[in-house]
Amino acid sequence: MPRPPRTSRTPGGPALARPRLLAGAVAVALALVALPTTGLLQLPGALGGDLREGAAAGTDPPALVPDPVVEAVPDAERPLLVLRAEGDVVRATELPHAVARTAVLVLHGYTSSAAQAAERLEAAALARDLGAVVVLPTGLGRRPSWAAGSCCGSAARSDVDDVGYLSRLLADLRSRGAERAYVVGYSNGGMLAYRLACERPEDVDAVAVVNGTVAVPTCPGAFTALHLAGAEDDAVPVDGVDLVPFLFTGFPALADLPALAPAADLDVRVLPGVGHEVAPGVPATVRRWLAAGPTPPA
């Protein structure tokens, strides 16, 4: 029998009930995931000041259009940011000849980058504290994204085989000496971590998801996961959402995850006062959880 999720809630937090529709501001929140201020220049006018200025002037806002289709590229051409347990950083398209016994993949959010994920999820501390090799790949598209199911961006629209890519990357790490393999993902990256565990649970020992969700219709895999959700997250809300306009999709409520992933062992924690950001203390929580050596459910 699958174990029930361990869910921590804070009194006075939002009720787990699905809203009908999310306002356009939600789309802005997710599109701006992990971007510096200069990242606004990469976004369509509908996500920046043009929309507000047009509305104030009484003109129609720009139409929201899907991200363009993107072509898959060979694995060897996808850049990697590698942090070794010894502390050095290697930017390469190939992994070191030999790696630590523990390997961790860290997946960035939609429109973000490996470098930003390394900073905000404290990848260097993850390598140091776990004695691990930490590998940060990059999603495809002008606004980098992962095909995590219904989300996000060019990768999802183009049905890129990101699950296959991560599976091959993990197999390569194991062939080089890794005995344990974990995946940590933020937002869209967390959704891909879930999809990998749902479809190929044999590839990972556990996943840690920050402000993400299950974005595939079925999740039969038996896996162990830490799920950290912001109580005030208006991009991937704990109550769920029927439609995020810019992403052309919706997300399930947190309460629906056990039914979506019935064979999984979910450690769900709702963080009071936290939105869609990587809040202080979150990376350390992930490190402590991984350091305890989580394994697939019996």
Protein backbone atom coordinates (compact mmCIF):
# COMPACT_ATOMS: atom_id res chain seq x y z
CA MET A 1 0.00 0.00 0.00
CA PRO A 2 1.39 3.46 -0.86
CA ARG A 3 2.08 5.63 2.13
CA PRO A 4 0.01 8.81 2.54
CA PRO A 5 1.79 12.12 1.99
CA ARG A 6 3.35 13.87 4.94
CA THR A 7 1.85 17.33 4.65
CA SER A 8 2.73 20.17 6.98
CA ARG A 9 0.35 23.12 7.03
CA THR A 10 0.27 26.37 8.91
CA PRO A 11 -2.94 27.45 10.70
CA GLY A 12 -4.62 30.19 8.80
CA GLY A 13 -3.04 29.13 5.48
CA PRO A 14 -5.08 29.03 2.28
CA ALA A 15 -7.65 26.28 1.90
CA LEU A 16 -6.89 23.64 -0.72
CA ALA A 17 -9.74 24.37 -3.13
CA ARG A 18 -9.37 24.87 -6.88
CA PRO A 19 -10.08 28.41 -8.14
CA ARG A 20 -11.75 28.91 -11.51
CA LEU A 21 -9.29 31.24 -13.13
CA LEU A 22 -6.04 33.00 -12.33
CA ALA A 23 -5.58 36.66 -13.16
CA GLY A 24 -3.07 37.74 -15.77
CA ALA A 25 -0.65 38.71 -13.02
CA VAL A 26 -0.03 35.01 -12.41
CA ALA A 27 1.35 34.64 -15.90
CA VAL A 28 3.73 37.49 -15.19
CA ALA A 29 4.90 35.84 -11.99
CA LEU A 30 5.85 32.55 -13.64
CA ALA A 31 7.35 34.17 -16.71
CA LEU A 32 9.66 36.20 -14.47
CA VAL A 33 10.87 33.14 -12.55
CA ALA A 34 14.47 33.56 -11.47
CA LEU A 35 15.22 36.42 -13.86
CA PRO A 36 17.24 39.50 -12.98
CA THR A 37 15.81 42.89 -13.91
CA THR A 38 17.55 42.79 -17.27
CA GLY A 39 15.58 39.63 -18.05
CA LEU A 40 12.55 41.81 -18.70
CA LEU A 41 14.07 42.71 -22.03
CA GLN A 42 13.67 39.11 -23.15
CA LEU A 43 9.93 39.04 -22.52
CA PRO A 44 7.12 40.02 -24.89
CA GLY A 45 5.46 43.37 -24.35
CA ALA A 46 2.39 41.70 -22.91
CA LEU A 47 4.42 40.78 -19.86
CA GLY A 48 6.00 44.16 -19.24
CA GLY A 49 5.00 47.79 -19.00
CA ASP A 50 3.46 47.83 -22.49
CA LEU A 51 0.40 45.98 -21.25
CA ARG A 52 -0.26 48.38 -18.42
CA GLU A 53 0.43 51.45 -20.54
CA GLY A 54 -1.87 50.20 -23.30
CA ALA A 55 -4.64 49.53 -20.83
CA ALA A 56 -4.25 53.00 -19.32
CA ALA A 57 -4.48 54.55 -22.79
CA GLY A 58 -7.57 52.57 -23.64
CA THR A 59 -5.90 50.48 -26.34
CA ASP A 60 -5.98 46.72 -26.72
CA PRO A 61 -3.06 44.90 -25.06
CA PRO A 62 -0.74 42.82 -27.26
CA ALA A 63 -1.97 39.29 -27.91
CA LEU A 64 -0.31 36.49 -25.99
CA VAL A 65 1.19 33.93 -28.36
CA PRO A 66 2.88 30.60 -27.64
CA ASP A 67 6.65 30.36 -27.64
CA PRO A 68 8.07 29.35 -31.02
CA VAL A 69 8.75 25.74 -31.88
CA VAL A 70 12.33 24.71 -31.11
CA GLU A 71 14.43 21.96 -32.65
CA ALA A 72 16.05 19.35 -30.43
CA VAL A 73 19.83 19.27 -30.41
CA PRO A 74 22.27 16.41 -29.73
CA ASP A 75 23.05 15.80 -26.09
CA ALA A 76 26.70 16.72 -26.61
CA GLU A 77 25.69 20.20 -27.77
CA ARG A 78 23.68 21.01 -24.66
CA PRO A 79 25.80 23.01 -22.21
CA LEU A 80 26.44 21.78 -18.69
CA LEU A 81 27.53 23.60 -15.57
CA VAL A 82 29.39 21.08 -13.39
CA LEU A 83 30.33 21.59 -9.75
CA ARG A 84 32.61 18.95 -8.32
CA ALA A 85 32.71 17.98 -4.67
CA GLU A 86 36.23 19.42 -4.52
CA GLY A 87 34.82 22.87 -5.21
CA ASP A 88 35.96 23.60 -8.74
CA VAL A 89 33.54 24.59 -11.49
CA VAL A 90 33.82 23.31 -15.04
CA ARG A 91 31.78 24.70 -17.93
CA ALA A 92 31.78 21.94 -20.51
CA THR A 93 29.72 19.73 -22.78
CA GLU A 94 31.30 16.64 -21.29
CA LEU A 95 31.32 15.26 -17.76
CA PRO A 96 34.53 14.61 -15.81
CA HIS A 97 36.05 11.17 -16.36
CA ALA A 98 35.29 10.15 -12.77
CA VAL A 99 32.60 11.59 -10.52
CA ALA A 100 31.63 11.41 -6.86
CA ARG A 101 29.46 8.61 -5.50
CA THR A 102 26.51 10.99 -5.28
CA ALA A 103 25.26 12.88 -8.33
CA VAL A 104 22.67 15.65 -8.25
CA LEU A 105 20.99 17.23 -11.24
CA VAL A 106 19.69 20.76 -10.61
CA LEU A 107 17.05 22.06 -13.04
CA HIS A 108 16.33 25.76 -13.51
CA GLY A 109 12.91 27.39 -13.92
CA TYR A 110 11.23 28.64 -17.08
CA THR A 111 13.16 31.52 -18.75
CA SER A 112 16.03 31.04 -16.29
CA SER A 113 19.50 29.52 -16.63
CA ALA A 114 21.87 27.02 -15.08
CA ALA A 115 23.96 29.82 -13.55
CA GLN A 116 20.95 31.40 -11.86
CA ALA A 117 19.79 28.02 -10.55
CA ALA A 118 23.28 27.37 -9.18
CA GLU A 119 23.18 30.64 -7.27
CA ARG A 120 19.63 30.50 -5.96
CA LEU A 121 19.56 26.81 -5.08
CA GLU A 122 23.09 27.05 -3.61
CA ALA A 123 24.55 24.33 -5.80
CA ALA A 124 28.09 24.86 -4.46
CA ALA A 125 26.91 24.11 -0.91
CA LEU A 126 25.01 21.11 -2.25
CA ALA A 127 28.22 19.71 -3.78
CA ARG A 128 30.19 20.44 -0.61
CA ASP A 129 27.72 19.14 1.98
CA LEU A 130 26.82 15.97 0.09
CA GLY A 131 30.29 15.33 -1.30
CA ALA A 132 28.51 15.23 -4.65
CA VAL A 133 29.02 16.16 -8.25
CA VAL A 134 26.28 18.65 -9.14
CA VAL A 135 25.31 19.00 -12.78
CA LEU A 136 23.13 21.81 -14.09
CA PRO A 137 21.89 21.36 -17.66
CA THR A 138 20.05 24.02 -19.66
CA GLY A 139 16.62 23.83 -21.25
CA LEU A 140 15.98 24.67 -24.89
CA GLY A 141 14.48 27.76 -26.48
CA ARG A 142 15.11 31.51 -26.53
CA ARG A 143 13.48 31.57 -23.12
CA PRO A 144 14.95 28.29 -21.82
CA SER A 145 12.31 25.76 -20.82
CA TRP A 146 11.73 22.10 -20.07
CA ALA A 147 9.14 19.77 -21.59
CA ALA A 148 7.60 18.75 -18.29
CA GLY A 149 4.23 17.77 -19.74
CA SER A 150 1.74 20.58 -20.15
CA CYS A 151 4.43 23.14 -19.25
CA CYS A 152 6.45 25.08 -20.32
CA GLY A 153 7.35 27.24 -23.30
CA SER A 154 9.05 26.10 -26.49
CA ALA A 155 10.23 22.79 -25.06
CA ALA A 156 6.74 21.65 -24.11
CA ARG A 157 5.18 23.01 -27.29
CA SER A 158 7.79 21.15 -29.35
CA ASP A 159 7.51 17.95 -27.27
CA VAL A 160 11.26 17.90 -26.65
CA ASP A 161 12.41 14.61 -25.12
CA ASP A 162 13.85 16.16 -21.97
CA VAL A 163 13.03 13.03 -19.98
CA GLY A 164 15.19 11.00 -22.34
CA TYR A 165 17.95 13.59 -22.15
CA LEU A 166 18.03 13.52 -18.34
CA SER A 167 17.83 9.73 -18.32
CA ARG A 168 20.88 9.48 -20.56
CA LEU A 169 22.71 12.08 -18.48
CA LEU A 170 22.05 10.15 -15.28
CA ALA A 171 23.13 6.88 -16.90
CA ASP A 172 26.36 8.59 -17.97
CA LEU A 173 26.95 9.81 -14.41
CA ARG A 174 26.40 6.30 -13.03
CA SER A 175 28.85 4.88 -15.57
CA ARG A 176 31.45 7.34 -14.24
CA GLY A 177 31.07 6.30 -10.60
CA ALA A 178 27.83 7.75 -9.22
CA GLU A 179 25.96 5.29 -7.00
CA ARG A 180 23.15 7.60 -5.92
CA ALA A 181 21.29 10.01 -8.20
CA TYR A 182 19.01 12.85 -7.12
CA VAL A 183 17.20 15.54 -9.08
CA VAL A 184 16.40 18.98 -7.65
CA GLY A 185 14.11 21.22 -9.66
CA TYR A 186 12.62 24.68 -9.29
CA SER A 187 9.28 25.62 -10.90
CA ASN A 188 9.36 24.28 -14.50
CA GLY A 189 12.50 22.35 -13.51
CA GLY A 190 10.59 20.82 -10.61
CA MET A 191 7.85 19.76 -13.00
CA LEU A 192 10.44 17.97 -15.14
CA ALA A 193 11.91 16.30 -12.04
CA TYR A 194 8.44 14.96 -11.31
CA ARG A 195 7.92 13.83 -14.91
CA LEU A 196 11.22 11.95 -14.89
CA ALA A 197 10.30 10.22 -11.62
CA CYS A 198 6.79 9.47 -12.88
CA GLU A 199 7.95 7.90 -16.14
CA ARG A 200 11.39 6.50 -15.26
CA PRO A 201 11.54 6.03 -11.48
CA GLU A 202 14.40 3.57 -11.86
CA ASP A 203 16.65 6.45 -12.92
CA VAL A 204 16.49 8.40 -9.65
CA ASP A 205 16.77 7.67 -5.95
CA ALA A 206 14.69 10.73 -5.00
CA VAL A 207 13.63 14.15 -6.27
CA ALA A 208 13.24 17.50 -4.51
CA VAL A 209 10.76 19.97 -6.01
CA VAL A 210 10.53 23.67 -5.16
CA ASN A 211 7.39 25.51 -6.29
CA GLY A 212 6.60 22.95 -8.96
CA THR A 213 3.89 20.37 -9.60
CA VAL A 214 3.01 17.25 -11.54
CA ALA A 215 2.28 18.45 -15.09
CA VAL A 216 1.53 15.07 -16.69
CA PRO A 217 -1.92 13.44 -16.67
CA THR A 218 -0.76 10.20 -15.04
CA CYS A 219 2.16 9.43 -12.74
CA PRO A 220 2.51 5.68 -12.09
CA GLY A 221 6.12 5.71 -10.87
CA ALA A 222 7.09 4.69 -7.34
CA PHE A 223 9.49 7.36 -6.10
CA THR A 224 10.35 9.48 -3.06
CA ALA A 225 9.97 13.25 -3.23
CA LEU A 226 10.33 16.35 -1.10
CA HIS A 227 7.84 19.01 -2.22
CA LEU A 228 8.26 22.58 -0.95
CA ALA A 229 5.38 24.90 -1.87
CA GLY A 230 4.95 28.58 -1.08
CA ALA A 231 1.63 29.26 0.62
CA GLU A 232 1.40 32.59 -1.23
CA ASP A 233 2.65 31.28 -4.59
CA ASP A 234 0.42 32.85 -7.25
CA ALA A 235 2.23 31.20 -10.17
CA VAL A 236 1.86 27.55 -9.13
CA PRO A 237 -0.74 28.06 -6.37
CA VAL A 238 -1.40 25.45 -3.71
CA ASP A 239 -5.10 25.72 -4.56
CA GLY A 240 -4.45 24.89 -8.21
CA VAL A 241 -5.47 26.94 -11.23
CA ASP A 242 -7.46 26.19 -14.37
CA LEU A 243 -5.50 28.46 -16.69
CA VAL A 244 -2.27 30.44 -16.68
CA PRO A 245 -2.80 32.54 -19.85
CA PHE A 246 0.81 32.96 -20.96
CA LEU A 247 1.55 29.28 -20.38
CA PHE A 248 -1.70 28.08 -21.97
CA THR A 249 -2.17 25.49 -19.25
CA GLY A 250 -3.35 25.01 -15.68
CA PHE A 251 -1.95 23.25 -12.62
CA PRO A 252 -3.51 20.80 -10.15
CA ALA A 253 -4.13 21.64 -6.52
CA LEU A 254 -1.55 20.44 -4.04
CA ALA A 255 -4.21 18.26 -2.43
CA ASP A 256 -4.56 16.36 -5.73
CA LEU A 257 -0.93 15.22 -5.90
CA PRO A 258 -1.41 11.98 -3.89
CA ALA A 259 -4.10 10.88 -6.33
CA LEU A 260 -1.96 11.87 -9.31
CA ALA A 261 1.07 9.97 -7.99
CA PRO A 262 -0.44 7.12 -5.95
CA ALA A 263 2.76 5.04 -5.71
CA ALA A 264 4.95 7.93 -4.60
CA ASP A 265 6.14 8.76 -1.09
CA LEU A 266 5.54 12.51 -0.92
CA ASP A 267 6.93 14.69 1.85
CA VAL A 268 4.88 17.86 1.23
CA ARG A 269 5.67 21.05 3.12
CA VAL A 270 3.78 24.31 2.68
CA LEU A 271 5.88 27.36 3.58
CA PRO A 272 3.90 30.22 5.15
CA GLY A 273 4.41 33.69 3.73
CA VAL A 274 6.40 32.41 0.75
CA GLY A 275 5.52 33.13 -2.87
CA HIS A 276 7.10 31.72 -6.04
CA GLU A 277 10.62 32.71 -5.05
CA VAL A 278 13.32 30.46 -3.64
CA ALA A 279 12.94 31.59 -0.06
CA PRO A 280 15.84 31.81 2.40
CA GLY A 281 16.37 28.46 4.06
CA VAL A 282 14.88 26.44 1.20
CA PRO A 283 18.23 25.31 -0.28
CA ALA A 284 19.42 24.25 3.18
CA THR A 285 16.20 22.27 3.72
CA VAL A 286 16.80 20.46 0.44
CA ARG A 287 20.41 19.70 1.39
CA ARG A 288 19.43 18.28 4.77
CA TRP A 289 16.75 16.12 3.20
CA LEU A 290 19.13 14.75 0.58
CA ALA A 291 21.91 14.27 3.13
CA ALA A 292 19.60 11.87 5.00
CA GLY A 293 19.87 9.54 1.99
CA PRO A 294 16.28 9.24 0.74
CA THR A 295 15.61 6.11 -1.30
CA PRO A 296 12.73 4.84 -3.44
CA PRO A 297 9.72 3.56 -1.46
CA ALA A 298 9.68 -0.13 -0.62
